[in-house]
């Protein structure tokens, strides 16, 4: 069992107790968002820091007809 801390930039996203570690360039899902593992660093015997990058979400385009009245 490994204590795994997931980081995006310098922000801690998630800490988990895992049986197997994620591999570099592996696609994973954290809190419902797709992410890619960039780096896995061993800190202690059972502690690991995993650097991830979340997939960019496209911004939603607002509706064009907001000023018109409904019939």
N, C-alpha and C. Protein backbone atom coordinates (compact mmCIF):
# COMPACT_ATOMS: atom_id res chain seq x y z
N UNK A 1 0.84 -1.18 0.00
CA UNK A 1 0.00 0.00 0.00
C UNK A 1 0.88 1.24 0.00
N UNK A 2 0.51 2.21 -0.84
CA UNK A 2 1.29 3.42 -0.98
C UNK A 2 0.41 4.64 -0.71
N UNK A 3 0.94 5.61 0.01
CA UNK A 3 0.25 6.89 0.21
C UNK A 3 0.62 7.75 -0.99
N UNK A 4 -0.39 8.12 -1.78
CA UNK A 4 -0.16 8.84 -3.02
C UNK A 4 -0.81 10.21 -2.94
N UNK A 5 -0.02 11.26 -3.18
CA UNK A 5 -0.51 12.64 -3.18
C UNK A 5 -0.48 13.14 -4.62
N UNK A 6 -1.63 13.57 -5.13
CA UNK A 6 -1.74 14.09 -6.48
C UNK A 6 -1.66 15.61 -6.44
N UNK A 7 -0.79 16.19 -7.28
CA UNK A 7 -0.58 17.64 -7.33
C UNK A 7 -0.76 18.15 -8.75
N UNK A 8 -1.47 19.28 -8.87
CA UNK A 8 -1.51 20.02 -10.12
C UNK A 8 -0.80 21.34 -9.84
N UNK A 9 0.30 21.61 -10.54
CA UNK A 9 1.21 22.72 -10.23
C UNK A 9 1.67 22.55 -8.78
N UNK A 10 1.35 23.48 -7.89
CA UNK A 10 1.73 23.34 -6.48
C UNK A 10 0.52 23.08 -5.59
N UNK A 11 -0.63 22.81 -6.20
CA UNK A 11 -1.87 22.61 -5.47
C UNK A 11 -2.14 21.12 -5.26
N UNK A 12 -2.38 20.75 -4.01
CA UNK A 12 -2.72 19.37 -3.70
C UNK A 12 -4.17 19.12 -4.12
N UNK A 13 -4.37 18.12 -4.96
CA UNK A 13 -5.70 17.82 -5.48
C UNK A 13 -6.34 16.68 -4.72
N UNK A 14 -5.54 15.62 -4.41
CA UNK A 14 -6.10 14.43 -3.81
C UNK A 14 -5.00 13.64 -3.12
N UNK A 15 -5.32 13.01 -2.01
CA UNK A 15 -4.42 12.08 -1.34
C UNK A 15 -5.14 10.75 -1.19
N UNK A 16 -4.49 9.68 -1.62
CA UNK A 16 -5.12 8.36 -1.61
C UNK A 16 -4.15 7.31 -1.12
N UNK A 17 -4.71 6.23 -0.63
CA UNK A 17 -3.95 5.04 -0.28
C UNK A 17 -4.19 4.04 -1.41
N UNK A 18 -3.15 3.77 -2.22
CA UNK A 18 -3.29 2.93 -3.41
C UNK A 18 -2.46 1.66 -3.30
N UNK A 19 -2.92 0.62 -3.98
CA UNK A 19 -2.18 -0.64 -4.05
C UNK A 19 -1.12 -0.55 -5.14
N UNK A 20 -1.47 0.06 -6.29
CA UNK A 20 -0.52 0.20 -7.39
C UNK A 20 -0.42 1.66 -7.79
N UNK A 21 0.77 2.09 -8.17
CA UNK A 21 1.00 3.48 -8.55
C UNK A 21 0.67 3.72 -10.01
N UNK A 22 0.21 4.93 -10.37
CA UNK A 22 -0.01 5.23 -11.79
C UNK A 22 1.32 5.40 -12.52
N UNK A 23 1.33 5.08 -13.79
CA UNK A 23 2.53 5.22 -14.61
C UNK A 23 2.56 6.59 -15.27
N UNK A 24 3.76 7.01 -15.67
CA UNK A 24 3.92 8.29 -16.37
C UNK A 24 3.22 8.18 -17.72
N UNK A 25 2.58 9.28 -18.16
CA UNK A 25 1.81 9.36 -19.41
C UNK A 25 0.52 8.55 -19.36
N UNK A 26 0.11 8.10 -18.19
CA UNK A 26 -1.15 7.35 -18.06
C UNK A 26 -2.29 8.34 -17.89
N UNK A 27 -3.41 8.05 -18.54
CA UNK A 27 -4.61 8.87 -18.38
C UNK A 27 -5.41 8.35 -17.20
N UNK A 28 -5.75 9.25 -16.28
CA UNK A 28 -6.53 8.87 -15.10
C UNK A 28 -7.68 9.85 -14.94
N UNK A 29 -8.60 9.51 -14.05
CA UNK A 29 -9.75 10.36 -13.78
C UNK A 29 -9.77 10.68 -12.29
N UNK A 30 -9.72 11.98 -11.95
CA UNK A 30 -9.73 12.42 -10.56
C UNK A 30 -10.88 13.41 -10.38
N UNK A 31 -11.75 13.12 -9.45
CA UNK A 31 -12.89 13.97 -9.13
C UNK A 31 -13.73 14.27 -10.38
N UNK A 32 -13.87 13.29 -11.26
CA UNK A 32 -14.70 13.45 -12.45
C UNK A 32 -14.03 14.20 -13.58
N UNK A 33 -12.76 14.52 -13.46
CA UNK A 33 -12.04 15.25 -14.50
C UNK A 33 -10.91 14.39 -15.04
N UNK A 34 -10.69 14.44 -16.34
CA UNK A 34 -9.63 13.66 -16.97
C UNK A 34 -8.30 14.35 -16.73
N UNK A 35 -7.28 13.54 -16.42
CA UNK A 35 -5.95 14.08 -16.15
C UNK A 35 -4.90 13.15 -16.73
N UNK A 36 -3.70 13.69 -16.91
CA UNK A 36 -2.57 12.92 -17.42
C UNK A 36 -1.43 13.01 -16.43
N UNK A 37 -0.82 11.87 -16.12
CA UNK A 37 0.29 11.82 -15.17
C UNK A 37 1.55 12.32 -15.86
N UNK A 38 2.23 13.29 -15.23
CA UNK A 38 3.44 13.87 -15.79
C UNK A 38 4.68 13.29 -15.11
N UNK A 39 4.63 13.15 -13.78
CA UNK A 39 5.80 12.72 -13.03
C UNK A 39 5.37 11.97 -11.79
N UNK A 40 6.13 10.95 -11.41
CA UNK A 40 5.91 10.21 -10.17
C UNK A 40 7.22 10.25 -9.39
N UNK A 41 7.17 10.83 -8.17
CA UNK A 41 8.38 10.97 -7.36
C UNK A 41 8.19 10.24 -6.04
N UNK A 42 9.19 9.45 -5.64
CA UNK A 42 9.15 8.75 -4.37
C UNK A 42 9.76 9.64 -3.29
N UNK A 43 9.01 9.87 -2.20
CA UNK A 43 9.47 10.71 -1.11
C UNK A 43 10.06 9.86 0.00
N UNK A 44 9.29 8.93 0.51
CA UNK A 44 9.74 7.99 1.53
C UNK A 44 9.54 6.57 1.01
N UNK A 45 9.57 5.62 1.95
CA UNK A 45 9.37 4.23 1.58
C UNK A 45 7.98 3.99 0.99
N UNK A 46 6.95 4.62 1.57
CA UNK A 46 5.58 4.42 1.12
C UNK A 46 4.89 5.68 0.65
N UNK A 47 5.59 6.82 0.58
CA UNK A 47 4.99 8.09 0.18
C UNK A 47 5.44 8.47 -1.22
N UNK A 48 4.47 8.83 -2.07
CA UNK A 48 4.75 9.22 -3.45
C UNK A 48 4.02 10.50 -3.78
N UNK A 49 4.66 11.36 -4.58
CA UNK A 49 4.02 12.57 -5.12
C UNK A 49 3.84 12.35 -6.62
N UNK A 50 2.61 12.55 -7.08
CA UNK A 50 2.28 12.37 -8.49
C UNK A 50 1.87 13.73 -9.05
N UNK A 51 2.59 14.21 -10.07
CA UNK A 51 2.26 15.47 -10.73
C UNK A 51 1.33 15.15 -11.90
N UNK A 52 0.23 15.93 -12.02
CA UNK A 52 -0.75 15.70 -13.07
C UNK A 52 -1.06 17.00 -13.78
N UNK A 53 -1.66 16.88 -14.96
CA UNK A 53 -2.18 18.02 -15.71
C UNK A 53 -3.61 17.67 -16.10
N UNK A 54 -4.56 18.53 -15.71
CA UNK A 54 -5.96 18.30 -16.07
C UNK A 54 -6.20 18.71 -17.51
N UNK A 55 -7.16 18.02 -18.15
CA UNK A 55 -7.55 18.36 -19.51
C UNK A 55 -8.31 19.68 -19.48
N UNK A 56 -8.01 20.55 -20.42
CA UNK A 56 -8.68 21.85 -20.48
C UNK A 56 -10.12 21.67 -20.93
N UNK A 57 -11.05 22.28 -20.19
CA UNK A 57 -12.46 22.22 -20.52
C UNK A 57 -12.82 23.40 -21.42
N UNK A 58 -13.52 23.16 -22.53
CA UNK A 58 -13.93 24.28 -23.39
C UNK A 58 -14.99 25.12 -22.69
N UNK A 59 -14.88 26.42 -22.86
CA UNK A 59 -15.86 27.31 -22.24
C UNK A 59 -17.17 27.24 -23.02
N UNK A 60 -18.27 27.30 -22.28
CA UNK A 60 -19.59 27.22 -22.91
C UNK A 60 -19.95 28.58 -23.50
N UNK A 61 -20.49 28.56 -24.70
CA UNK A 61 -20.90 29.79 -25.39
C UNK A 61 -22.29 30.15 -24.90
N UNK A 62 -22.50 31.41 -24.47
CA UNK A 62 -23.84 31.79 -24.01
C UNK A 62 -24.83 31.82 -25.18
N UNK A 63 -26.11 31.70 -24.84
CA UNK A 63 -27.15 31.71 -25.85
C UNK A 63 -27.22 33.09 -26.51
N UNK A 64 -27.53 33.11 -27.81
CA UNK A 64 -27.56 34.36 -28.57
C UNK A 64 -28.85 35.15 -28.36
N UNK A 65 -29.95 34.46 -28.11
CA UNK A 65 -31.25 35.11 -28.06
C UNK A 65 -31.69 35.44 -26.63
N UNK A 66 -30.80 35.94 -25.80
CA UNK A 66 -31.19 36.25 -24.43
C UNK A 66 -32.04 37.51 -24.36
N UNK A 67 -31.90 38.45 -25.28
CA UNK A 67 -32.64 39.71 -25.24
C UNK A 67 -34.04 39.61 -25.80
N UNK A 68 -34.36 38.56 -26.53
CA UNK A 68 -35.69 38.42 -27.15
C UNK A 68 -36.67 37.85 -26.15
N UNK A 69 -37.92 38.28 -26.27
CA UNK A 69 -38.97 37.76 -25.40
C UNK A 69 -39.48 36.43 -25.93
N UNK A 70 -39.88 35.59 -25.01
CA UNK A 70 -40.47 34.30 -25.38
C UNK A 70 -41.94 34.50 -25.72
N UNK A 71 -42.44 33.74 -26.65
CA UNK A 71 -43.86 33.84 -27.01
C UNK A 71 -44.65 32.77 -26.31
